[in-house]
Amino acid sequence: MRYEVSQEGAAATLHLRGELVLADRDGFDGAVRAALKPGVASVTVDLSGLEYMDSAGLGMLLTLREAAEDLGTRVVLRGAAGEVKELLEMARFDTLFDLV
């Protein structure tokens, strides 16, 4: 997994690329810390560059959601396609996140 965090005002965007799997746990934790800075009211996770995600990746997104909720920060998942979109739909992530 590769990531980049951008911020405009109180909105941060976490751009993910490649794969999000168990081996990416430490890197994802770093991405979460970079995105959930003080003053950030919302985080959009851009999944358009993500080619593959497994159940561990789903768990990491849930970890992000929990950390964001503790700070009162909204999380949106954007741009999922292909297998990543199918996995999110099967896991009913539309009930936990705003999917756009």
C-alpha atoms as a PDB file:
ATOM      1  CA  MET A   1       0.000   0.000   0.000  1.00  0.00           C
ATOM      2  CA  ARG A   2       1.071   3.491  -0.799  1.00  0.00           C
ATOM      3  CA  TYR A   3      -0.681   6.526   0.604  1.00  0.00           C
ATOM      4  CA  GLU A   4      -0.741  10.275   0.475  1.00  0.00           C
ATOM      5  CA  VAL A   5      -2.627  12.655   2.744  1.00  0.00           C
ATOM      6  CA  SER A   6      -3.784  16.055   1.580  1.00  0.00           C
ATOM      7  CA  GLN A   7      -5.677  18.650   3.583  1.00  0.00           C
ATOM      8  CA  GLU A   8      -7.766  21.628   2.622  1.00  0.00           C
ATOM      9  CA  GLY A   9      -9.113  23.527   5.581  1.00  0.00           C
ATOM     10  CA  ALA A  10     -10.836  21.104   7.963  1.00  0.00           C
ATOM     11  CA  ALA A  11     -11.119  18.365   5.325  1.00  0.00           C
ATOM     12  CA  ALA A  12      -8.410  15.743   4.828  1.00  0.00           C
ATOM     13  CA  THR A  13      -8.187  13.217   2.017  1.00  0.00           C
ATOM     14  CA  LEU A  14      -6.349   9.934   2.402  1.00  0.00           C
ATOM     15  CA  HIS A  15      -5.404   8.578  -1.036  1.00  0.00           C
ATOM     16  CA  LEU A  16      -4.710   4.825  -1.014  1.00  0.00           C
ATOM     17  CA  ARG A  17      -2.978   2.960  -3.855  1.00  0.00           C
ATOM     18  CA  GLY A  18      -2.069  -0.651  -4.534  1.00  0.00           C
ATOM     19  CA  GLU A  19      -3.337  -3.230  -2.049  1.00  0.00           C
ATOM     20  CA  LEU A  20      -4.647  -2.957   1.494  1.00  0.00           C
ATOM     21  CA  VAL A  21      -3.794  -6.231   3.246  1.00  0.00           C
ATOM     22  CA  LEU A  22      -2.626  -7.407   6.662  1.00  0.00           C
ATOM     23  CA  ALA A  23       1.021  -6.651   5.873  1.00  0.00           C
ATOM     24  CA  ASP A  24       0.068  -2.967   5.471  1.00  0.00           C
ATOM     25  CA  ARG A  25      -1.117  -2.565   9.069  1.00  0.00           C
ATOM     26  CA  ASP A  26       1.791  -0.411  10.269  1.00  0.00           C
ATOM     27  CA  GLY A  27       1.698   1.791   7.175  1.00  0.00           C
ATOM     28  CA  PHE A  28      -2.051   2.234   7.491  1.00  0.00           C
ATOM     29  CA  ASP A  29      -1.698   3.234  11.142  1.00  0.00           C
ATOM     30  CA  GLY A  30       0.745   5.924  10.019  1.00  0.00           C
ATOM     31  CA  ALA A  31      -1.718   7.098   7.372  1.00  0.00           C
ATOM     32  CA  VAL A  32      -4.458   7.349   9.997  1.00  0.00           C
ATOM     33  CA  ARG A  33      -2.219   9.446  12.260  1.00  0.00           C
ATOM     34  CA  ALA A  34      -1.380  11.724   9.336  1.00  0.00           C
ATOM     35  CA  ALA A  35      -5.054  12.177   8.382  1.00  0.00           C
ATOM     36  CA  LEU A  36      -6.582  12.599  11.853  1.00  0.00           C
ATOM     37  CA  LYS A  37      -4.821  15.763  12.873  1.00  0.00           C
ATOM     38  CA  PRO A  38      -6.339  18.318  15.261  1.00  0.00           C
ATOM     39  CA  GLY A  39      -8.869  20.515  13.488  1.00  0.00           C
ATOM     40  CA  VAL A  40      -9.810  17.928  10.854  1.00  0.00           C
ATOM     41  CA  ALA A  41     -13.605  17.605  10.755  1.00  0.00           C
ATOM     42  CA  SER A  42     -13.829  15.073   7.937  1.00  0.00           C
ATOM     43  CA  VAL A  43     -11.612  12.489   6.262  1.00  0.00           C
ATOM     44  CA  THR A  44     -12.337  11.219   2.777  1.00  0.00           C
ATOM     45  CA  VAL A  45     -10.622   7.937   1.965  1.00  0.00           C
ATOM     46  CA  ASP A  46      -9.999   7.877  -1.781  1.00  0.00           C
ATOM     47  CA  LEU A  47     -10.067   4.212  -2.799  1.00  0.00           C
ATOM     48  CA  SER A  48      -9.895   4.826  -6.557  1.00  0.00           C
ATOM     49  CA  GLY A  49      -6.233   3.751  -6.672  1.00  0.00           C
ATOM     50  CA  LEU A  50      -6.790   0.640  -4.564  1.00  0.00           C
ATOM     51  CA  GLU A  51      -6.622  -2.524  -6.662  1.00  0.00           C
ATOM     52  CA  TYR A  52      -7.201  -5.112  -3.933  1.00  0.00           C
ATOM     53  CA  MET A  53      -8.310  -5.277  -0.333  1.00  0.00           C
ATOM     54  CA  ASP A  54      -8.802  -8.296   1.949  1.00  0.00           C
ATOM     55  CA  SER A  55     -10.712  -8.711   5.202  1.00  0.00           C
ATOM     56  CA  ALA A  56      -7.776  -7.234   7.129  1.00  0.00           C
ATOM     57  CA  GLY A  57      -8.172  -4.117   4.997  1.00  0.00           C
ATOM     58  CA  LEU A  58     -11.825  -3.947   6.006  1.00  0.00           C
ATOM     59  CA  GLY A  59     -10.715  -4.162   9.619  1.00  0.00           C
ATOM     60  CA  MET A  60      -8.274  -1.304   9.107  1.00  0.00           C
ATOM     61  CA  LEU A  61     -11.055   0.880   7.708  1.00  0.00           C
ATOM     62  CA  LEU A  62     -13.114   0.057  10.804  1.00  0.00           C
ATOM     63  CA  THR A  63     -10.161   1.072  12.987  1.00  0.00           C
ATOM     64  CA  LEU A  64     -10.019   4.395  11.145  1.00  0.00           C
ATOM     65  CA  ARG A  65     -13.760   4.852  11.682  1.00  0.00           C
ATOM     66  CA  GLU A  66     -13.457   4.196  15.432  1.00  0.00           C
ATOM     67  CA  ALA A  67     -10.507   6.574  15.818  1.00  0.00           C
ATOM     68  CA  ALA A  68     -12.362   9.250  13.849  1.00  0.00           C
ATOM     69  CA  GLU A  69     -15.533   8.828  15.913  1.00  0.00           C
ATOM     70  CA  ASP A  70     -13.522   9.357  19.096  1.00  0.00           C
ATOM     71  CA  LEU A  71     -12.459  12.727  17.687  1.00  0.00           C
ATOM     72  CA  GLY A  72     -15.865  13.647  16.258  1.00  0.00           C
ATOM     73  CA  THR A  73     -14.513  13.335  12.713  1.00  0.00           C
ATOM     74  CA  ARG A  74     -16.660  12.117   9.809  1.00  0.00           C
ATOM     75  CA  VAL A  75     -15.252   9.465   7.435  1.00  0.00           C
ATOM     76  CA  VAL A  76     -16.320   9.073   3.800  1.00  0.00           C
ATOM     77  CA  LEU A  77     -15.166   6.310   1.440  1.00  0.00           C
ATOM     78  CA  ARG A  78     -14.887   7.473  -2.170  1.00  0.00           C
ATOM     79  CA  GLY A  79     -14.074   5.943  -5.523  1.00  0.00           C
ATOM     80  CA  ALA A  80     -14.142   2.208  -4.787  1.00  0.00           C
ATOM     81  CA  ALA A  81     -14.287   0.120  -7.950  1.00  0.00           C
ATOM     82  CA  GLY A  82     -14.112  -3.496  -9.036  1.00  0.00           C
ATOM     83  CA  GLU A  83     -13.313  -6.091  -6.374  1.00  0.00           C
ATOM     84  CA  VAL A  84     -12.807  -3.425  -3.709  1.00  0.00           C
ATOM     85  CA  LYS A  85     -16.317  -2.073  -4.301  1.00  0.00           C
ATOM     86  CA  GLU A  86     -17.777  -5.585  -4.275  1.00  0.00           C
ATOM     87  CA  LEU A  87     -16.066  -6.373  -0.966  1.00  0.00           C
ATOM     88  CA  LEU A  88     -17.389  -3.171   0.625  1.00  0.00           C
ATOM     89  CA  GLU A  89     -20.886  -3.975  -0.600  1.00  0.00           C
ATOM     90  CA  MET A  90     -20.737  -7.590   0.620  1.00  0.00           C
ATOM     91  CA  ALA A  91     -19.524  -6.407   4.034  1.00  0.00           C
ATOM     92  CA  ARG A  92     -22.390  -3.861   4.121  1.00  0.00           C
ATOM     93  CA  PHE A  93     -19.996  -0.971   4.695  1.00  0.00           C
ATOM     94  CA  ASP A  94     -22.689   1.323   3.307  1.00  0.00           C
ATOM     95  CA  THR A  95     -24.339   0.987   6.742  1.00  0.00           C
ATOM     96  CA  LEU A  96     -21.166   2.158   8.499  1.00  0.00           C
ATOM     97  CA  PHE A  97     -19.716   4.746   6.113  1.00  0.00           C
ATOM     98  CA  ASP A  98     -20.900   7.226   3.541  1.00  0.00           C
ATOM     99  CA  LEU A  99     -19.897   5.641   0.217  1.00  0.00           C
ATOM    100  CA  VAL A 100     -19.544   7.968  -2.775  1.00  0.00           C
END
